[in-house]
């Protein structure tokens, strides 16, 4: 009888741990999706010439934004130096510009890299 009770406790504990991990992963995915939406919004804001491309100069202007919420979001996401390095890494064709898809994919790969 004691073995049965122990087995039930272990099983319930394992299920609870699995559910907690799934919940945590779900919250992380939701937070990342919200971050991607904010990055896309900032991309549109940075694209001052409305050519659907951003340059490093345009990104620097976003980092100079006086809005404290924007600054906090950007600095939590990546430092100015990290963004510049990432920009040049993503800009494989060395055009000096990135479109929204290149930028979002680059951020995703960088943030999910085991080397972050």
N, C-alpha and C. Protein backbone atom coordinates (compact mmCIF):
# COMPACT_ATOMS: atom_id res chain seq x y z
N UNK A 1 0.84 -1.19 0.00
CA UNK A 1 0.00 0.00 0.00
C UNK A 1 0.88 1.26 0.00
N UNK A 2 1.95 1.24 0.78
CA UNK A 2 2.86 2.38 0.85
C UNK A 2 3.51 2.62 -0.51
N UNK A 3 3.88 1.52 -1.20
CA UNK A 3 4.47 1.67 -2.53
C UNK A 3 3.50 2.33 -3.51
N UNK A 4 2.23 1.96 -3.43
CA UNK A 4 1.22 2.53 -4.30
C UNK A 4 1.07 4.02 -4.04
N UNK A 5 1.03 4.41 -2.77
CA UNK A 5 0.90 5.84 -2.42
C UNK A 5 2.12 6.62 -2.91
N UNK A 6 3.28 6.04 -2.75
CA UNK A 6 4.51 6.69 -3.21
C UNK A 6 4.49 6.86 -4.72
N UNK A 7 4.04 5.83 -5.43
CA UNK A 7 3.97 5.89 -6.90
C UNK A 7 3.00 6.99 -7.34
N UNK A 8 1.88 7.12 -6.67
CA UNK A 8 0.89 8.15 -7.02
C UNK A 8 1.47 9.54 -6.77
N UNK A 9 2.13 9.72 -5.65
CA UNK A 9 2.74 11.02 -5.33
C UNK A 9 3.80 11.39 -6.37
N UNK A 10 4.62 10.44 -6.75
CA UNK A 10 5.66 10.69 -7.75
C UNK A 10 5.02 11.05 -9.09
N UNK A 11 3.98 10.31 -9.48
CA UNK A 11 3.32 10.58 -10.76
C UNK A 11 2.68 11.96 -10.77
N UNK A 12 2.00 12.33 -9.70
CA UNK A 12 1.36 13.64 -9.61
C UNK A 12 2.43 14.74 -9.66
N UNK A 13 3.52 14.50 -8.97
CA UNK A 13 4.62 15.47 -8.96
C UNK A 13 5.22 15.66 -10.36
N UNK A 14 5.42 14.55 -11.07
CA UNK A 14 5.96 14.61 -12.44
C UNK A 14 5.00 15.37 -13.37
N UNK A 15 3.70 15.07 -13.27
CA UNK A 15 2.71 15.75 -14.09
C UNK A 15 2.69 17.25 -13.80
N UNK A 16 2.79 17.60 -12.53
CA UNK A 16 2.78 19.00 -12.13
C UNK A 16 4.01 19.72 -12.68
N UNK A 17 5.16 19.07 -12.61
CA UNK A 17 6.38 19.66 -13.15
C UNK A 17 6.31 19.86 -14.64
N UNK A 18 5.72 18.90 -15.35
CA UNK A 18 5.56 19.00 -16.80
C UNK A 18 4.63 20.15 -17.15
N UNK A 19 3.52 20.26 -16.43
CA UNK A 19 2.56 21.35 -16.68
C UNK A 19 3.20 22.70 -16.39
N UNK A 20 3.99 22.79 -15.29
CA UNK A 20 4.67 24.04 -14.97
C UNK A 20 5.63 24.44 -16.08
N UNK A 21 6.36 23.47 -16.62
CA UNK A 21 7.30 23.76 -17.69
C UNK A 21 6.56 24.21 -18.95
N UNK A 22 5.46 23.53 -19.27
CA UNK A 22 4.66 23.90 -20.43
C UNK A 22 4.09 25.32 -20.27
N UNK A 23 3.63 25.64 -19.07
CA UNK A 23 3.10 26.98 -18.80
C UNK A 23 4.21 28.02 -18.95
N UNK A 24 5.37 27.73 -18.40
CA UNK A 24 6.51 28.65 -18.50
C UNK A 24 6.92 28.86 -19.96
N UNK A 25 6.95 27.79 -20.73
CA UNK A 25 7.30 27.90 -22.15
C UNK A 25 6.24 28.69 -22.91
N UNK A 26 4.98 28.52 -22.54
CA UNK A 26 3.89 29.27 -23.16
C UNK A 26 4.01 30.76 -22.88
N UNK A 27 4.34 31.11 -21.63
CA UNK A 27 4.53 32.52 -21.29
C UNK A 27 5.74 33.09 -22.02
N UNK A 28 6.81 32.33 -22.13
CA UNK A 28 8.00 32.80 -22.84
C UNK A 28 7.69 33.03 -24.31
N UNK A 29 6.93 32.13 -24.92
CA UNK A 29 6.56 32.28 -26.33
C UNK A 29 5.69 33.52 -26.52
N UNK A 30 4.76 33.74 -25.60
CA UNK A 30 3.89 34.92 -25.68
C UNK A 30 4.71 36.20 -25.52
N UNK A 31 5.64 36.21 -24.59
CA UNK A 31 6.49 37.38 -24.38
C UNK A 31 7.34 37.63 -25.63
N UNK A 32 7.87 36.57 -26.23
CA UNK A 32 8.68 36.73 -27.44
C UNK A 32 7.83 37.28 -28.58
N UNK A 33 6.59 36.80 -28.71
CA UNK A 33 5.70 37.30 -29.76
C UNK A 33 5.42 38.79 -29.56
N UNK A 34 5.21 39.19 -28.32
CA UNK A 34 4.99 40.61 -28.02
C UNK A 34 6.25 41.42 -28.35
N UNK A 35 7.42 40.88 -28.04
CA UNK A 35 8.67 41.56 -28.39
C UNK A 35 8.80 41.72 -29.90
N UNK A 36 8.44 40.69 -30.65
CA UNK A 36 8.54 40.76 -32.10
C UNK A 36 7.59 41.83 -32.66
N UNK A 37 6.42 41.95 -32.07
CA UNK A 37 5.48 42.98 -32.50
C UNK A 37 6.04 44.37 -32.21
N UNK A 38 6.68 44.52 -31.07
CA UNK A 38 7.28 45.81 -30.73
C UNK A 38 8.47 46.11 -31.64
N UNK A 39 9.27 45.11 -31.95
CA UNK A 39 10.39 45.31 -32.88
C UNK A 39 9.86 45.73 -34.25
N UNK A 40 8.80 45.10 -34.70
CA UNK A 40 8.20 45.45 -35.99
C UNK A 40 7.68 46.89 -35.96
N UNK A 41 7.08 47.28 -34.85
CA UNK A 41 6.60 48.66 -34.72
C UNK A 41 7.77 49.63 -34.77
N UNK A 42 8.84 49.32 -34.05
CA UNK A 42 10.02 50.18 -34.05
C UNK A 42 10.69 50.22 -35.42
N UNK A 43 10.64 49.09 -36.14
CA UNK A 43 11.16 49.05 -37.51
C UNK A 43 10.43 50.08 -38.36
N UNK A 44 9.10 50.06 -38.28
CA UNK A 44 8.31 51.00 -39.08
C UNK A 44 8.62 52.44 -38.68
N UNK A 45 8.84 52.66 -37.39
CA UNK A 45 9.20 53.99 -36.91
C UNK A 45 10.59 54.39 -37.41
N UNK A 46 11.51 53.45 -37.44
CA UNK A 46 12.89 53.73 -37.88
C UNK A 46 12.97 53.99 -39.37
N UNK A 47 12.07 53.39 -40.12
CA UNK A 47 12.10 53.51 -41.58
C UNK A 47 11.58 54.88 -42.01
N UNK A 48 12.37 55.90 -41.75
CA UNK A 48 11.93 57.27 -41.96
C UNK A 48 11.69 57.62 -43.42
N UNK A 49 12.39 56.97 -44.35
CA UNK A 49 12.18 57.25 -45.77
C UNK A 49 11.12 56.35 -46.40
N UNK A 50 10.52 55.47 -45.60
CA UNK A 50 9.42 54.59 -45.99
C UNK A 50 9.72 53.73 -47.21
N UNK A 51 10.96 53.20 -47.26
CA UNK A 51 11.32 52.31 -48.37
C UNK A 51 11.25 50.83 -47.97
N UNK A 52 10.70 50.56 -46.78
CA UNK A 52 10.56 49.20 -46.23
C UNK A 52 11.91 48.55 -45.94
N UNK A 53 12.92 49.39 -45.75
CA UNK A 53 14.27 48.94 -45.37
C UNK A 53 14.77 49.85 -44.27
N UNK A 54 15.63 49.31 -43.41
CA UNK A 54 16.28 50.16 -42.42
C UNK A 54 17.79 50.07 -42.58
N UNK A 55 18.42 51.19 -42.28
CA UNK A 55 19.88 51.26 -42.26
C UNK A 55 20.32 51.33 -40.81
N UNK A 56 21.60 51.18 -40.58
CA UNK A 56 22.12 51.29 -39.23
C UNK A 56 21.90 52.71 -38.70
N UNK A 57 21.98 53.70 -39.55
CA UNK A 57 21.73 55.09 -39.14
C UNK A 57 20.29 55.24 -38.64
N UNK A 58 19.34 54.63 -39.35
CA UNK A 58 17.94 54.71 -38.92
C UNK A 58 17.73 53.98 -37.59
N UNK A 59 18.40 52.86 -37.40
CA UNK A 59 18.30 52.14 -36.13
C UNK A 59 18.90 52.96 -35.00
N UNK A 60 20.02 53.63 -35.26
CA UNK A 60 20.64 54.48 -34.24
C UNK A 60 19.68 55.59 -33.81
N UNK A 61 18.90 56.10 -34.75
CA UNK A 61 17.92 57.14 -34.42
C UNK A 61 16.85 56.61 -33.47
N UNK A 62 16.47 55.35 -33.64
CA UNK A 62 15.49 54.76 -32.72
C UNK A 62 16.12 54.65 -31.33
N UNK A 63 17.40 54.27 -31.26
CA UNK A 63 18.08 54.19 -29.96
C UNK A 63 18.19 55.55 -29.29
N UNK A 64 18.15 56.62 -30.07
CA UNK A 64 18.22 57.97 -29.52
C UNK A 64 16.83 58.49 -29.11
N UNK A 65 15.80 57.68 -29.26
CA UNK A 65 14.43 58.06 -28.93
C UNK A 65 14.36 58.52 -27.47
N UNK A 66 13.76 59.66 -27.22
CA UNK A 66 13.67 60.16 -25.84
C UNK A 66 12.64 59.43 -24.97
N UNK A 67 11.77 58.63 -25.59
CA UNK A 67 10.75 57.90 -24.83
C UNK A 67 11.42 56.85 -23.95
N UNK A 68 11.22 56.96 -22.65
CA UNK A 68 11.87 56.06 -21.69
C UNK A 68 11.43 54.61 -21.86
N UNK A 69 10.17 54.38 -22.23
CA UNK A 69 9.69 53.00 -22.45
C UNK A 69 10.42 52.37 -23.64
N UNK A 70 10.58 53.15 -24.71
CA UNK A 70 11.28 52.65 -25.89
C UNK A 70 12.73 52.34 -25.54
N UNK A 71 13.38 53.26 -24.84
CA UNK A 71 14.77 53.05 -24.44
C UNK A 71 14.91 51.80 -23.59
N UNK A 72 14.02 51.65 -22.61
CA UNK A 72 14.09 50.48 -21.73
C UNK A 72 13.91 49.19 -22.52
N UNK A 73 12.94 49.17 -23.44
CA UNK A 73 12.71 47.98 -24.25
C UNK A 73 13.95 47.65 -25.08
N UNK A 74 14.50 48.66 -25.75
CA UNK A 74 15.66 48.43 -26.61
C UNK A 74 16.87 47.94 -25.82
N UNK A 75 17.13 48.56 -24.71
CA UNK A 75 18.32 48.16 -23.94
C UNK A 75 18.14 46.80 -23.29
N UNK A 76 16.89 46.43 -23.00
CA UNK A 76 16.64 45.07 -22.49
C UNK A 76 16.85 44.06 -23.61
N UNK A 77 16.45 44.45 -24.80
CA UNK A 77 16.58 43.58 -25.96
C UNK A 77 18.05 43.37 -26.32
N UNK A 78 18.78 44.46 -26.46
CA UNK A 78 20.19 44.38 -26.85
C UNK A 78 20.83 45.75 -26.71
N UNK A 79 22.10 45.74 -26.43
CA UNK A 79 22.82 47.02 -26.35
C UNK A 79 23.01 47.58 -27.76
N UNK A 80 23.36 48.81 -27.82
CA UNK A 80 23.62 49.47 -29.11
C UNK A 80 24.74 48.75 -29.87
N UNK A 81 25.80 48.33 -29.18
CA UNK A 81 26.89 47.60 -29.82
C UNK A 81 26.44 46.23 -30.33
N UNK A 82 25.60 45.55 -29.54
CA UNK A 82 25.09 44.25 -29.97
C UNK A 82 24.22 44.40 -31.22
N UNK A 83 23.41 45.45 -31.25
CA UNK A 83 22.55 45.69 -32.42
C UNK A 83 23.39 45.94 -33.66
N UNK A 84 24.45 46.74 -33.51
CA UNK A 84 25.30 47.01 -34.66
C UNK A 84 25.96 45.73 -35.17
N UNK A 85 26.47 44.92 -34.26
CA UNK A 85 27.09 43.66 -34.66
C UNK A 85 26.07 42.74 -35.32
N UNK A 86 24.88 42.67 -34.75
CA UNK A 86 23.82 41.83 -35.31
C UNK A 86 23.40 42.34 -36.68
N UNK A 87 23.29 43.66 -36.82
CA UNK A 87 22.93 44.24 -38.11
C UNK A 87 23.89 43.78 -39.20
N UNK A 88 25.18 43.88 -38.91
CA UNK A 88 26.18 43.51 -39.92
C UNK A 88 26.19 42.00 -40.17
N UNK A 89 25.88 41.22 -39.16
CA UNK A 89 25.80 39.77 -39.32
C UNK A 89 24.59 39.39 -40.20
N UNK A 90 23.47 40.02 -39.96
CA UNK A 90 22.26 39.73 -40.71
C UNK A 90 22.38 40.22 -42.16
N UNK A 91 23.05 41.35 -42.34
CA UNK A 91 23.18 41.98 -43.66
C UNK A 91 24.19 41.20 -44.51
N UNK A 92 23.82 39.99 -44.86
CA UNK A 92 24.73 39.07 -45.57
C UNK A 92 25.16 39.60 -46.94
N UNK A 93 24.26 40.33 -47.60
CA UNK A 93 24.60 40.85 -48.93
C UNK A 93 25.36 42.18 -48.86
N UNK A 94 25.60 42.65 -47.63
CA UNK A 94 26.35 43.89 -47.38
C UNK A 94 25.76 45.10 -48.11
N UNK A 95 24.44 45.13 -48.20
CA UNK A 95 23.75 46.25 -48.85
C UNK A 95 23.65 47.46 -47.93
N UNK A 96 23.84 47.23 -46.62
CA UNK A 96 23.69 48.32 -45.67
C UNK A 96 22.25 48.54 -45.25
N UNK A 97 21.36 47.63 -45.68
CA UNK A 97 19.94 47.73 -45.35
C UNK A 97 19.40 46.36 -44.95
N UNK A 98 18.33 46.39 -44.15
CA UNK A 98 17.62 45.17 -43.78
C UNK A 98 16.13 45.41 -43.99
N UNK A 99 15.43 44.38 -44.47
CA UNK A 99 13.97 44.48 -44.49
C UNK A 99 13.44 43.89 -43.19
N UNK A 100 12.16 44.04 -42.97
CA UNK A 100 11.57 43.60 -41.70
C UNK A 100 11.77 42.12 -41.45
N UNK A 101 11.63 41.29 -42.49
CA UNK A 101 11.79 39.85 -42.30
C UNK A 101 13.22 39.48 -41.92
N UNK A 102 14.19 40.10 -42.57
CA UNK A 102 15.59 39.84 -42.22
C UNK A 102 15.85 40.20 -40.76
N UNK A 103 15.32 41.36 -40.36
CA UNK A 103 15.54 41.83 -39.00
C UNK A 103 14.91 40.91 -37.97
N UNK A 104 13.65 40.55 -38.18
CA UNK A 104 12.95 39.69 -37.21
C UNK A 104 13.58 38.30 -37.16
N UNK A 105 13.90 37.73 -38.31
CA UNK A 105 14.53 36.41 -38.33
C UNK A 105 15.90 36.45 -37.66
N UNK A 106 16.64 37.51 -37.91
CA UNK A 106 17.95 37.66 -37.28
C UNK A 106 17.85 37.76 -35.77
N UNK A 107 16.89 38.55 -35.28
CA UNK A 107 16.67 38.66 -33.84
C UNK A 107 16.29 37.31 -33.25
N UNK A 108 15.38 36.62 -33.93
CA UNK A 108 14.93 35.33 -33.42
C UNK A 108 16.10 34.36 -33.30
N UNK A 109 16.87 34.26 -34.36
CA UNK A 109 18.01 33.34 -34.34
C UNK A 109 19.02 33.73 -33.28
N UNK A 110 19.27 35.02 -33.13
CA UNK A 110 20.22 35.50 -32.13
C UNK A 110 19.74 35.21 -30.72
N UNK A 111 18.47 35.51 -30.44
CA UNK A 111 17.93 35.30 -29.10
C UNK A 111 17.79 33.82 -28.75
N UNK A 112 17.65 32.96 -29.75
CA UNK A 112 17.49 31.53 -29.50
C UNK A 112 18.78 30.75 -29.73
N UNK A 113 19.85 31.46 -29.94
CA UNK A 113 21.14 30.83 -30.15
C UNK A 113 21.70 30.35 -28.81
N UNK A 114 22.35 29.20 -28.79
CA UNK A 114 22.96 28.75 -27.54
C UNK A 114 24.17 29.60 -27.16
N UNK A 115 24.59 30.49 -28.07
CA UNK A 115 25.77 31.31 -27.84
C UNK A 115 25.44 32.70 -27.34
N UNK A 116 24.15 32.99 -27.12
CA UNK A 116 23.76 34.33 -26.68
C UNK A 116 24.45 34.70 -25.41
